[in-house]
Amino acid sequence: MKNGIIKNIKKEVLSDNWYTLNKFTFDYQREDGLWEEQKREVYDCGDAAAILLIHKKEKLVVLTRQFRMPTYQNAHKSGMLIEVCAGLLDGDSPEVCIKKEVLEETGYKIERVSKVFESFMVPGTVMQKIHFFIGYIDDAVIVNEGGGAEDETENIELLNLPFETAFKMIGSGEIIDGKSIMLLQHAKIHQLC
């Protein structure tokens, strides 16, 4: 199948409150050569970075728990989600961003991180690409209590869990965040913990 060709792209901003919601109208050339008009809404919240923090010697991972309104609206218990540390790039490189997020959310000052892959999580509607990292905290320094940036109203709870316990929480439904599942599975496949 050849790639479709698009033309006559029109963009309309539907919302620019917290992030940006655009409506795109365009002509798409199908495989049979015919053109059809398509309309898509695209949510742009910026690219992000996520990291699984591993304490290799103790076989622990550091995860976070925080309230997420979309999960609450989709009938997920109290809306509290267990996740890996993550954040928006906000103009930083993925590596600089994730080190900053680790410090804000967990209190660890981490010097080295390893990028393992990138992924579009919801490519049908969300423009965001996430950069995924692994970081070891054996040698990291704790410089504050973590919990998130006060001006961002994050209210993050830290969880230090045995790796195998965290991995089993995927199957039990206690961890249902996609980026966290992907990083925990990556760690399991590559025996990182």
N, C-alpha and C. Protein backbone atom coordinates (compact mmCIF):
# COMPACT_ATOMS: atom_id res chain seq x y z
N MET A 1 0.85 -1.19 0.00
CA MET A 1 0.00 0.00 0.00
C MET A 1 0.89 1.24 0.00
N LYS A 2 0.65 2.12 -0.92
CA LYS A 2 1.42 3.36 -0.94
C LYS A 2 0.91 4.32 0.12
N ASN A 3 1.78 5.22 0.51
CA ASN A 3 1.38 6.23 1.48
C ASN A 3 0.41 7.20 0.83
N GLY A 4 -0.61 7.59 1.55
CA GLY A 4 -1.54 8.58 1.04
C GLY A 4 -0.87 9.94 0.95
N ILE A 5 -1.38 10.76 0.09
CA ILE A 5 -0.88 12.11 -0.07
C ILE A 5 -1.97 13.05 0.41
N ILE A 6 -1.58 14.09 1.12
CA ILE A 6 -2.57 15.05 1.59
C ILE A 6 -2.30 16.42 0.99
N LYS A 7 -3.38 17.17 0.83
CA LYS A 7 -3.28 18.54 0.32
C LYS A 7 -4.43 19.36 0.89
N ASN A 8 -4.37 20.65 0.64
CA ASN A 8 -5.43 21.57 1.07
C ASN A 8 -5.69 21.47 2.59
N ILE A 9 -4.61 21.50 3.37
CA ILE A 9 -4.74 21.39 4.82
C ILE A 9 -5.24 22.72 5.40
N LYS A 10 -6.33 22.65 6.15
CA LYS A 10 -6.86 23.81 6.86
C LYS A 10 -6.87 23.50 8.35
N LYS A 11 -6.41 24.46 9.14
CA LYS A 11 -6.32 24.26 10.59
C LYS A 11 -7.20 25.29 11.29
N GLU A 12 -7.99 24.79 12.24
CA GLU A 12 -8.85 25.66 13.04
C GLU A 12 -8.58 25.36 14.52
N VAL A 13 -8.26 26.38 15.29
CA VAL A 13 -8.03 26.20 16.73
C VAL A 13 -9.39 26.12 17.42
N LEU A 14 -9.65 24.99 18.08
CA LEU A 14 -10.91 24.81 18.81
C LEU A 14 -10.79 25.23 20.26
N SER A 15 -9.59 25.02 20.83
CA SER A 15 -9.35 25.40 22.22
C SER A 15 -7.86 25.64 22.41
N ASP A 16 -7.55 26.66 23.17
CA ASP A 16 -6.15 26.96 23.49
C ASP A 16 -6.09 27.38 24.95
N ASN A 17 -6.70 26.56 25.79
CA ASN A 17 -6.80 26.88 27.21
C ASN A 17 -5.61 26.32 27.98
N TRP A 18 -5.59 25.03 28.23
CA TRP A 18 -4.48 24.38 28.94
C TRP A 18 -3.44 23.96 27.92
N TYR A 19 -3.88 23.19 26.93
CA TYR A 19 -3.07 22.83 25.76
C TYR A 19 -3.88 23.24 24.54
N THR A 20 -3.52 22.76 23.36
CA THR A 20 -4.21 23.22 22.16
C THR A 20 -4.94 22.07 21.47
N LEU A 21 -6.19 22.32 21.13
CA LEU A 21 -6.99 21.38 20.36
C LEU A 21 -7.26 22.01 19.00
N ASN A 22 -6.73 21.38 17.95
CA ASN A 22 -6.90 21.87 16.58
C ASN A 22 -7.81 20.93 15.80
N LYS A 23 -8.56 21.50 14.86
CA LYS A 23 -9.33 20.71 13.91
C LYS A 23 -8.68 20.88 12.54
N PHE A 24 -8.28 19.77 11.94
CA PHE A 24 -7.67 19.79 10.61
C PHE A 24 -8.67 19.24 9.60
N THR A 25 -8.84 19.97 8.51
CA THR A 25 -9.62 19.50 7.37
C THR A 25 -8.65 19.42 6.20
N PHE A 26 -8.65 18.30 5.49
CA PHE A 26 -7.67 18.12 4.41
C PHE A 26 -8.21 17.11 3.40
N ASP A 27 -7.59 17.12 2.23
CA ASP A 27 -7.90 16.14 1.19
C ASP A 27 -6.85 15.05 1.26
N TYR A 28 -7.30 13.80 1.24
CA TYR A 28 -6.42 12.64 1.34
C TYR A 28 -6.59 11.78 0.09
N GLN A 29 -5.47 11.45 -0.55
CA GLN A 29 -5.54 10.61 -1.73
C GLN A 29 -5.48 9.14 -1.30
N ARG A 30 -6.54 8.43 -1.64
CA ARG A 30 -6.63 7.02 -1.28
C ARG A 30 -5.75 6.18 -2.19
N GLU A 31 -5.63 4.91 -1.88
CA GLU A 31 -4.82 3.98 -2.67
C GLU A 31 -5.34 3.85 -4.10
N ASP A 32 -6.66 3.99 -4.27
CA ASP A 32 -7.23 3.87 -5.63
C ASP A 32 -7.10 5.15 -6.44
N GLY A 33 -6.44 6.18 -5.87
CA GLY A 33 -6.20 7.43 -6.58
C GLY A 33 -7.26 8.49 -6.35
N LEU A 34 -8.40 8.13 -5.80
CA LEU A 34 -9.45 9.10 -5.55
C LEU A 34 -9.11 9.96 -4.33
N TRP A 35 -9.62 11.18 -4.35
CA TRP A 35 -9.41 12.11 -3.23
C TRP A 35 -10.65 12.14 -2.37
N GLU A 36 -10.47 12.20 -1.06
CA GLU A 36 -11.60 12.35 -0.15
C GLU A 36 -11.25 13.38 0.91
N GLU A 37 -12.25 14.13 1.33
CA GLU A 37 -12.03 15.10 2.41
C GLU A 37 -12.10 14.37 3.75
N GLN A 38 -11.15 14.68 4.62
CA GLN A 38 -11.13 14.11 5.97
C GLN A 38 -11.04 15.24 6.98
N LYS A 39 -11.57 14.99 8.16
CA LYS A 39 -11.50 15.94 9.27
C LYS A 39 -10.99 15.19 10.50
N ARG A 40 -10.02 15.79 11.17
CA ARG A 40 -9.45 15.18 12.37
C ARG A 40 -9.21 16.25 13.43
N GLU A 41 -9.52 15.93 14.67
CA GLU A 41 -9.17 16.79 15.79
C GLU A 41 -7.87 16.26 16.38
N VAL A 42 -6.93 17.18 16.61
CA VAL A 42 -5.61 16.80 17.10
C VAL A 42 -5.31 17.61 18.36
N TYR A 43 -5.04 16.91 19.44
CA TYR A 43 -4.72 17.54 20.72
C TYR A 43 -3.21 17.66 20.83
N ASP A 44 -2.71 18.87 21.05
CA ASP A 44 -1.27 19.11 21.15
C ASP A 44 -0.93 19.57 22.55
N CYS A 45 -0.36 18.66 23.33
CA CYS A 45 0.06 19.01 24.70
C CYS A 45 1.57 19.02 24.82
N GLY A 46 2.27 18.87 23.70
CA GLY A 46 3.73 18.89 23.73
C GLY A 46 4.31 17.51 23.97
N ASP A 47 5.55 17.31 23.53
CA ASP A 47 6.23 16.03 23.74
C ASP A 47 6.63 15.89 25.20
N ALA A 48 6.90 14.65 25.60
CA ALA A 48 7.18 14.36 27.01
C ALA A 48 8.31 13.34 27.13
N ALA A 49 8.72 13.14 28.38
CA ALA A 49 9.72 12.13 28.70
C ALA A 49 9.24 11.36 29.92
N ALA A 50 9.58 10.08 29.98
CA ALA A 50 9.20 9.22 31.11
C ALA A 50 10.39 8.35 31.48
N ILE A 51 10.49 7.99 32.76
CA ILE A 51 11.64 7.21 33.21
C ILE A 51 11.22 6.19 34.27
N LEU A 52 11.79 5.01 34.17
CA LEU A 52 11.67 4.02 35.23
C LEU A 52 12.94 4.13 36.06
N LEU A 53 12.77 4.50 37.33
CA LEU A 53 13.89 4.59 38.26
C LEU A 53 14.07 3.25 38.95
N ILE A 54 15.27 2.71 38.84
CA ILE A 54 15.57 1.38 39.37
C ILE A 54 16.68 1.47 40.41
N HIS A 55 16.43 0.87 41.58
CA HIS A 55 17.49 0.68 42.58
C HIS A 55 17.93 -0.77 42.43
N LYS A 56 18.98 -0.95 41.63
CA LYS A 56 19.39 -2.29 41.22
C LYS A 56 19.76 -3.19 42.40
N LYS A 57 20.53 -2.65 43.34
CA LYS A 57 20.99 -3.47 44.48
C LYS A 57 19.82 -3.95 45.33
N GLU A 58 18.85 -3.07 45.55
CA GLU A 58 17.69 -3.41 46.37
C GLU A 58 16.56 -4.06 45.56
N LYS A 59 16.69 -4.09 44.23
CA LYS A 59 15.66 -4.62 43.32
C LYS A 59 14.32 -3.90 43.53
N LEU A 60 14.42 -2.57 43.65
CA LEU A 60 13.24 -1.72 43.83
C LEU A 60 13.07 -0.80 42.64
N VAL A 61 11.84 -0.34 42.44
CA VAL A 61 11.56 0.72 41.47
C VAL A 61 10.84 1.84 42.22
N VAL A 62 11.05 3.06 41.75
CA VAL A 62 10.37 4.22 42.32
C VAL A 62 9.27 4.63 41.36
N LEU A 63 8.04 4.57 41.85
CA LEU A 63 6.88 4.97 41.07
C LEU A 63 6.16 6.10 41.80
N THR A 64 5.20 6.71 41.12
CA THR A 64 4.43 7.79 41.71
C THR A 64 2.95 7.43 41.68
N ARG A 65 2.21 8.09 42.58
CA ARG A 65 0.75 7.97 42.54
C ARG A 65 0.20 9.39 42.62
N GLN A 66 -0.70 9.70 41.65
CA GLN A 66 -1.31 11.02 41.67
C GLN A 66 -2.68 10.97 41.02
N PHE A 67 -3.47 11.99 41.31
CA PHE A 67 -4.82 12.08 40.78
C PHE A 67 -4.78 12.48 39.31
N ARG A 68 -5.56 11.79 38.48
CA ARG A 68 -5.69 12.09 37.06
C ARG A 68 -7.17 12.21 36.72
N MET A 69 -7.61 13.42 36.41
CA MET A 69 -9.03 13.66 36.12
C MET A 69 -9.56 12.79 34.97
N PRO A 70 -8.82 12.63 33.85
CA PRO A 70 -9.37 11.78 32.78
C PRO A 70 -9.64 10.34 33.23
N THR A 71 -8.80 9.78 34.10
CA THR A 71 -9.06 8.41 34.55
C THR A 71 -10.25 8.38 35.50
N TYR A 72 -10.40 9.41 36.31
CA TYR A 72 -11.56 9.52 37.19
C TYR A 72 -12.84 9.59 36.36
N GLN A 73 -12.81 10.37 35.29
CA GLN A 73 -13.98 10.51 34.42
C GLN A 73 -14.29 9.22 33.67
N ASN A 74 -13.28 8.35 33.54
CA ASN A 74 -13.49 7.07 32.85
C ASN A 74 -13.68 5.93 33.86
N ALA A 75 -14.20 6.28 35.02
CA ALA A 75 -14.60 5.32 36.06
C ALA A 75 -13.44 4.47 36.59
N HIS A 76 -12.25 5.07 36.70
CA HIS A 76 -11.14 4.34 37.33
C HIS A 76 -11.06 4.72 38.80
N LYS A 77 -11.75 3.95 39.61
CA LYS A 77 -11.71 4.09 41.06
C LYS A 77 -11.74 5.55 41.49
N SER A 78 -10.70 5.97 42.20
CA SER A 78 -10.65 7.33 42.73
C SER A 78 -9.94 8.30 41.79
N GLY A 79 -9.50 7.83 40.64
CA GLY A 79 -8.73 8.67 39.73
C GLY A 79 -7.25 8.69 40.05
N MET A 80 -6.85 7.95 41.08
CA MET A 80 -5.43 7.89 41.46
C MET A 80 -4.74 6.86 40.56
N LEU A 81 -3.65 7.27 39.94
CA LEU A 81 -2.94 6.42 38.99
C LEU A 81 -1.50 6.21 39.45
N ILE A 82 -1.04 4.98 39.37
CA ILE A 82 0.36 4.65 39.66
C ILE A 82 1.12 4.73 38.35
N GLU A 83 2.20 5.52 38.36
CA GLU A 83 2.93 5.80 37.14
C GLU A 83 4.43 5.88 37.39
N VAL A 84 5.18 5.83 36.28
CA VAL A 84 6.59 6.18 36.33
C VAL A 84 6.68 7.70 36.36
N CYS A 85 7.83 8.21 36.74
CA CYS A 85 8.08 9.65 36.73
C CYS A 85 8.07 10.14 35.28
N ALA A 86 7.40 11.27 35.02
CA ALA A 86 7.28 11.77 33.65
C ALA A 86 6.94 13.25 33.66
N GLY A 87 7.14 13.89 32.51
CA GLY A 87 6.78 15.28 32.39
C GLY A 87 6.94 15.80 30.98
N LEU A 88 6.38 16.97 30.73
CA LEU A 88 6.46 17.61 29.42
C LEU A 88 7.84 18.22 29.20
N LEU A 89 8.31 18.20 27.97
CA LEU A 89 9.63 18.74 27.65
C LEU A 89 9.72 20.24 27.90
N ASP A 90 8.67 20.98 27.62
CA ASP A 90 8.65 22.43 27.84
C ASP A 90 9.90 23.13 27.28
N GLY A 91 10.32 22.74 26.08
CA GLY A 91 11.46 23.39 25.43
C GLY A 91 12.82 22.79 25.76
N ASP A 92 12.87 21.89 26.75
CA ASP A 92 14.13 21.22 27.10
C ASP A 92 14.34 20.01 26.22
N SER A 93 15.58 19.52 26.18
CA SER A 93 15.83 18.24 25.52
C SER A 93 15.20 17.15 26.39
N PRO A 94 14.90 15.97 25.82
CA PRO A 94 14.31 14.91 26.63
C PRO A 94 15.16 14.54 27.85
N GLU A 95 16.47 14.50 27.70
CA GLU A 95 17.35 14.13 28.82
C GLU A 95 17.32 15.19 29.93
N VAL A 96 17.40 16.46 29.55
CA VAL A 96 17.35 17.53 30.56
C VAL A 96 15.99 17.51 31.26
N CYS A 97 14.94 17.35 30.49
CA CYS A 97 13.59 17.32 31.05
C CYS A 97 13.44 16.21 32.08
N ILE A 98 13.86 15.00 31.74
CA ILE A 98 13.60 13.89 32.64
C ILE A 98 14.41 13.99 33.92
N LYS A 99 15.61 14.52 33.83
CA LYS A 99 16.40 14.73 35.05
C LYS A 99 15.73 15.76 35.96
N LYS A 100 15.16 16.81 35.36
CA LYS A 100 14.44 17.83 36.12
C LYS A 100 13.18 17.24 36.76
N GLU A 101 12.45 16.42 36.00
CA GLU A 101 11.23 15.80 36.52
C GLU A 101 11.54 14.84 37.67
N VAL A 102 12.62 14.08 37.53
CA VAL A 102 13.02 13.16 38.61
C VAL A 102 13.27 13.95 39.89
N LEU A 103 13.96 15.06 39.79
CA LEU A 103 14.25 15.89 40.96
C LEU A 103 12.97 16.45 41.57
N GLU A 104 12.08 17.00 40.73
CA GLU A 104 10.83 17.57 41.22
C GLU A 104 9.92 16.53 41.85
N GLU A 105 9.77 15.38 41.18
CA GLU A 105 8.79 14.39 41.62
C GLU A 105 9.30 13.45 42.70
N THR A 106 10.58 13.10 42.66
CA THR A 106 11.09 12.10 43.60
C THR A 106 12.12 12.62 44.59
N GLY A 107 12.72 13.77 44.29
CA GLY A 107 13.76 14.30 45.16
C GLY A 107 15.15 13.79 44.85
N TYR A 108 15.27 12.86 43.89
CA TYR A 108 16.59 12.32 43.52
C TYR A 108 17.26 13.21 42.48
N LYS A 109 18.54 13.49 42.70
CA LYS A 109 19.35 14.16 41.68
C LYS A 109 20.11 13.07 40.96
N ILE A 110 19.71 12.82 39.72
CA ILE A 110 20.27 11.71 38.96
C ILE A 110 21.16 12.28 37.86
N GLU A 111 22.34 11.71 37.71
CA GLU A 111 23.33 12.23 36.75
C GLU A 111 23.21 11.57 35.37
N ARG A 112 22.95 10.26 35.36
CA ARG A 112 22.94 9.53 34.08
C ARG A 112 21.59 8.87 33.86
N VAL A 113 21.11 8.98 32.64
CA VAL A 113 19.89 8.30 32.21
C VAL A 113 20.18 7.66 30.86
N SER A 114 19.47 6.59 30.55
CA SER A 114 19.64 5.91 29.26
C SER A 114 18.32 5.90 28.52
N LYS A 115 18.33 6.48 27.31
CA LYS A 115 17.12 6.47 26.50
C LYS A 115 16.97 5.09 25.87
N VAL A 116 15.75 4.53 25.97
CA VAL A 116 15.54 3.17 25.47
C VAL A 116 14.63 3.11 24.24
N PHE A 117 13.68 4.06 24.10
CA PHE A 117 12.84 4.10 22.91
C PHE A 117 11.96 5.34 22.94
N GLU A 118 11.20 5.55 21.87
CA GLU A 118 10.20 6.62 21.75
C GLU A 118 8.89 5.99 21.32
N SER A 119 7.79 6.66 21.64
CA SER A 119 6.50 6.12 21.23
C SER A 119 5.44 7.22 21.16
N PHE A 120 4.54 7.10 20.18
CA PHE A 120 3.31 7.86 20.16
C PHE A 120 2.29 7.01 20.90
N MET A 121 1.69 7.54 21.94
CA MET A 121 0.79 6.73 22.76
C MET A 121 -0.64 6.68 22.23
N VAL A 122 -1.12 7.77 21.66
CA VAL A 122 -2.49 7.83 21.12
C VAL A 122 -2.41 8.55 19.78
N PRO A 123 -1.81 7.93 18.75
CA PRO A 123 -1.53 8.64 17.49
C PRO A 123 -2.76 9.06 16.70
N GLY A 124 -3.91 8.54 17.01
CA GLY A 124 -5.12 8.93 16.29
C GLY A 124 -5.66 10.29 16.69
N THR A 125 -5.30 10.76 17.89
CA THR A 125 -5.86 12.03 18.36
C THR A 125 -4.86 12.94 19.07
N VAL A 126 -3.77 12.39 19.57
CA VAL A 126 -2.82 13.18 20.36
C VAL A 126 -1.48 13.23 19.64
N MET A 127 -0.96 14.45 19.48
CA MET A 127 0.29 14.68 18.74
C MET A 127 1.53 14.26 19.53
N GLN A 128 1.42 14.10 20.82
CA GLN A 128 2.55 13.89 21.72
C GLN A 128 3.36 12.63 21.43
N LYS A 129 4.69 12.82 21.44
CA LYS A 129 5.63 11.70 21.39
C LYS A 129 6.31 11.65 22.75
N ILE A 130 6.46 10.45 23.30
CA ILE A 130 7.11 10.29 24.60
C ILE A 130 8.47 9.63 24.39
N HIS A 131 9.48 10.18 25.07
CA HIS A 131 10.84 9.65 25.08
C HIS A 131 10.99 8.85 26.38
N PHE A 132 11.36 7.58 26.25
CA PHE A 132 11.41 6.67 27.40
C PHE A 132 12.84 6.43 27.87
N PHE A 133 13.04 6.49 29.19
CA PHE A 133 14.36 6.35 29.79
C PHE A 133 14.36 5.32 30.92
N ILE A 134 15.56 4.82 31.20
CA ILE A 134 15.83 4.03 32.40
C ILE A 134 16.88 4.80 33.18
N GLY A 135 16.74 4.85 34.49
CA GLY A 135 17.73 5.51 35.35
C GLY A 135 17.95 4.69 36.61
N TYR A 136 19.17 4.64 37.04
CA TYR A 136 19.52 3.90 38.26
C TYR A 136 19.75 4.88 39.40
N ILE A 137 19.18 4.59 40.55
CA ILE A 137 19.30 5.50 41.68
C ILE A 137 20.24 4.99 42.76
N ASP A 138 21.01 3.93 42.49
CA ASP A 138 21.98 3.44 43.47
C ASP A 138 22.90 4.57 43.91
N ASP A 139 23.37 5.36 42.94
CA ASP A 139 24.33 6.42 43.23
C ASP A 139 23.70 7.80 43.24
N ALA A 140 22.41 7.88 43.04
CA ALA A 140 21.75 9.18 43.01
C ALA A 140 21.70 9.78 44.41
N VAL A 141 21.60 11.07 44.46
CA VAL A 141 21.57 11.79 45.73
C VAL A 141 20.15 12.30 45.97
N ILE A 142 19.65 12.08 47.18
CA ILE A 142 18.35 12.64 47.53
C ILE A 142 18.58 14.05 48.05
N VAL A 143 18.00 15.05 47.36
CA VAL A 143 18.22 16.44 47.75
C VAL A 143 16.95 17.12 48.28
N ASN A 144 15.79 16.49 48.08
CA ASN A 144 14.56 17.02 48.67
C ASN A 144 13.54 15.89 48.79
N GLU A 145 12.34 16.23 49.28
CA GLU A 145 11.32 15.21 49.52
C GLU A 145 10.56 14.80 48.27
N GLY A 146 10.73 15.51 47.17
CA GLY A 146 9.95 15.20 45.97
C GLY A 146 8.51 15.61 46.15
N GLY A 147 7.62 14.97 45.42
CA GLY A 147 6.20 15.25 45.52
C GLY A 147 5.65 16.16 44.45
N GLY A 148 6.55 16.66 43.57
CA GLY A 148 6.10 17.52 42.47
C GLY A 148 6.30 18.99 42.77
N ALA A 149 6.23 19.76 41.71
CA ALA A 149 6.39 21.22 41.83
C ALA A 149 5.11 21.81 42.42
N GLU A 150 5.26 22.65 43.44
CA GLU A 150 4.09 23.23 44.10
C GLU A 150 3.24 24.06 43.15
N ASP A 151 3.89 24.77 42.22
CA ASP A 151 3.13 25.63 41.30
C ASP A 151 2.39 24.84 40.23
N GLU A 152 2.62 23.51 40.17
CA GLU A 152 1.93 22.67 39.19
C GLU A 152 0.82 21.83 39.82
N THR A 153 0.54 22.01 41.10
CA THR A 153 -0.51 21.30 41.84
C THR A 153 -0.51 19.80 41.56
N GLU A 154 0.67 19.18 41.69
CA GLU A 154 0.77 17.75 41.36
C GLU A 154 0.41 16.84 42.53
N ASN A 155 0.82 17.16 43.76
CA ASN A 155 0.51 16.33 44.93
C ASN A 155 0.87 14.86 44.70
N ILE A 156 2.14 14.61 44.44
CA ILE A 156 2.61 13.28 44.07
C ILE A 156 3.05 12.49 45.30
N GLU A 157 2.55 11.26 45.39
CA GLU A 157 2.98 10.33 46.43
C GLU A 157 4.02 9.40 45.83
N LEU A 158 5.12 9.18 46.54
CA LEU A 158 6.18 8.28 46.06
C LEU A 158 5.94 6.87 46.56
N LEU A 159 6.21 5.90 45.67
CA LEU A 159 6.10 4.48 46.01
C LEU A 159 7.42 3.80 45.69
N ASN A 160 8.05 3.20 46.69
CA ASN A 160 9.24 2.38 46.49
C ASN A 160 8.79 0.93 46.57
N LEU A 161 8.76 0.27 45.43
CA LEU A 161 8.20 -1.09 45.38
C LEU A 161 9.23 -2.09 44.88
N PRO A 162 9.20 -3.31 45.40
CA PRO A 162 10.03 -4.36 44.79
C PRO A 162 9.63 -4.49 43.31
N PHE A 163 10.63 -4.67 42.45
CA PHE A 163 10.35 -4.73 41.02
C PHE A 163 9.29 -5.78 40.70
N GLU A 164 9.42 -6.98 41.25
CA GLU A 164 8.46 -8.05 40.93
C GLU A 164 7.05 -7.69 41.38
N THR A 165 6.93 -7.00 42.50
CA THR A 165 5.61 -6.56 42.96
C THR A 165 5.01 -5.58 41.96
N ALA A 166 5.81 -4.60 41.53
CA ALA A 166 5.33 -3.62 40.55
C ALA A 166 4.94 -4.31 39.25
N PHE A 167 5.76 -5.26 38.81
CA PHE A 167 5.47 -5.95 37.55
C PHE A 167 4.15 -6.72 37.65
N LYS A 168 3.89 -7.37 38.78
CA LYS A 168 2.64 -8.12 38.96
C LYS A 168 1.43 -7.19 39.02
N MET A 169 1.66 -5.93 39.39
CA MET A 169 0.56 -4.97 39.47
C MET A 169 -0.01 -4.64 38.09
N ILE A 170 0.73 -4.95 37.04
CA ILE A 170 0.19 -4.80 35.68
C ILE A 170 -0.95 -5.81 35.50
N GLY A 171 -0.67 -7.07 35.82
CA GLY A 171 -1.66 -8.13 35.65
C GLY A 171 -2.86 -7.98 36.57
N SER A 172 -2.65 -7.40 37.77
CA SER A 172 -3.76 -7.24 38.72
C SER A 172 -4.61 -6.01 38.39
N GLY A 173 -4.15 -5.18 37.46
CA GLY A 173 -4.89 -3.97 37.11
C GLY A 173 -4.60 -2.79 38.00
N GLU A 174 -3.64 -2.92 38.91
CA GLU A 174 -3.29 -1.79 39.77
C GLU A 174 -2.43 -0.76 39.03
N ILE A 175 -1.67 -1.21 38.03
CA ILE A 175 -0.93 -0.30 37.15
C ILE A 175 -1.55 -0.42 35.77
N ILE A 176 -2.19 0.68 35.33
CA ILE A 176 -2.85 0.66 34.02
C ILE A 176 -2.39 1.81 33.14
N ASP A 177 -1.35 2.51 33.55
CA ASP A 177 -0.78 3.60 32.77
C ASP A 177 0.14 3.01 31.70
N GLY A 178 -0.11 3.37 30.43
CA GLY A 178 0.62 2.78 29.31
C GLY A 178 2.13 2.95 29.38
N LYS A 179 2.58 4.16 29.69
CA LYS A 179 4.03 4.40 29.70
C LYS A 179 4.71 3.58 30.81
N SER A 180 4.01 3.41 31.92
CA SER A 180 4.56 2.63 33.03
C SER A 180 4.62 1.14 32.68
N ILE A 181 3.56 0.66 32.06
CA ILE A 181 3.54 -0.75 31.62
C ILE A 181 4.68 -1.01 30.64
N MET A 182 4.86 -0.11 29.68
CA MET A 182 5.91 -0.30 28.67
C MET A 182 7.30 -0.34 29.30
N LEU A 183 7.56 0.56 30.24
CA LEU A 183 8.89 0.59 30.87
C LEU A 183 9.11 -0.60 31.80
N LEU A 184 8.09 -1.00 32.53
CA LEU A 184 8.23 -2.19 33.39
C LEU A 184 8.46 -3.44 32.54
N GLN A 185 7.73 -3.57 31.43
CA GLN A 185 7.93 -4.71 30.54
C GLN A 185 9.31 -4.68 29.90
N HIS A 186 9.78 -3.49 29.53
CA HIS A 186 11.13 -3.36 28.98
C HIS A 186 12.17 -3.84 30.00
N ALA A 187 12.01 -3.42 31.24
CA ALA A 187 12.93 -3.83 32.31
C ALA A 187 12.90 -5.34 32.52
N LYS A 188 11.71 -5.93 32.45
CA LYS A 188 11.57 -7.38 32.63
C LYS A 188 12.23 -8.13 31.48
N ILE A 189 11.94 -7.73 30.25
CA ILE A 189 12.50 -8.40 29.07
C ILE A 189 14.02 -8.34 29.06
N HIS A 190 14.57 -7.20 29.44
CA HIS A 190 16.02 -7.01 29.39
C HIS A 190 16.69 -7.27 30.74
N GLN A 191 15.93 -7.82 31.69
CA GLN A 191 16.44 -8.19 33.02
C GLN A 191 17.26 -7.07 33.65
N LEU A 192 16.67 -5.88 33.70
CA LEU A 192 17.36 -4.71 34.23
C LEU A 192 17.30 -4.60 35.75
N CYS A 193 16.44 -5.42 36.36
CA CYS A 193 16.28 -5.34 37.81
C CYS A 193 16.21 -6.74 38.40
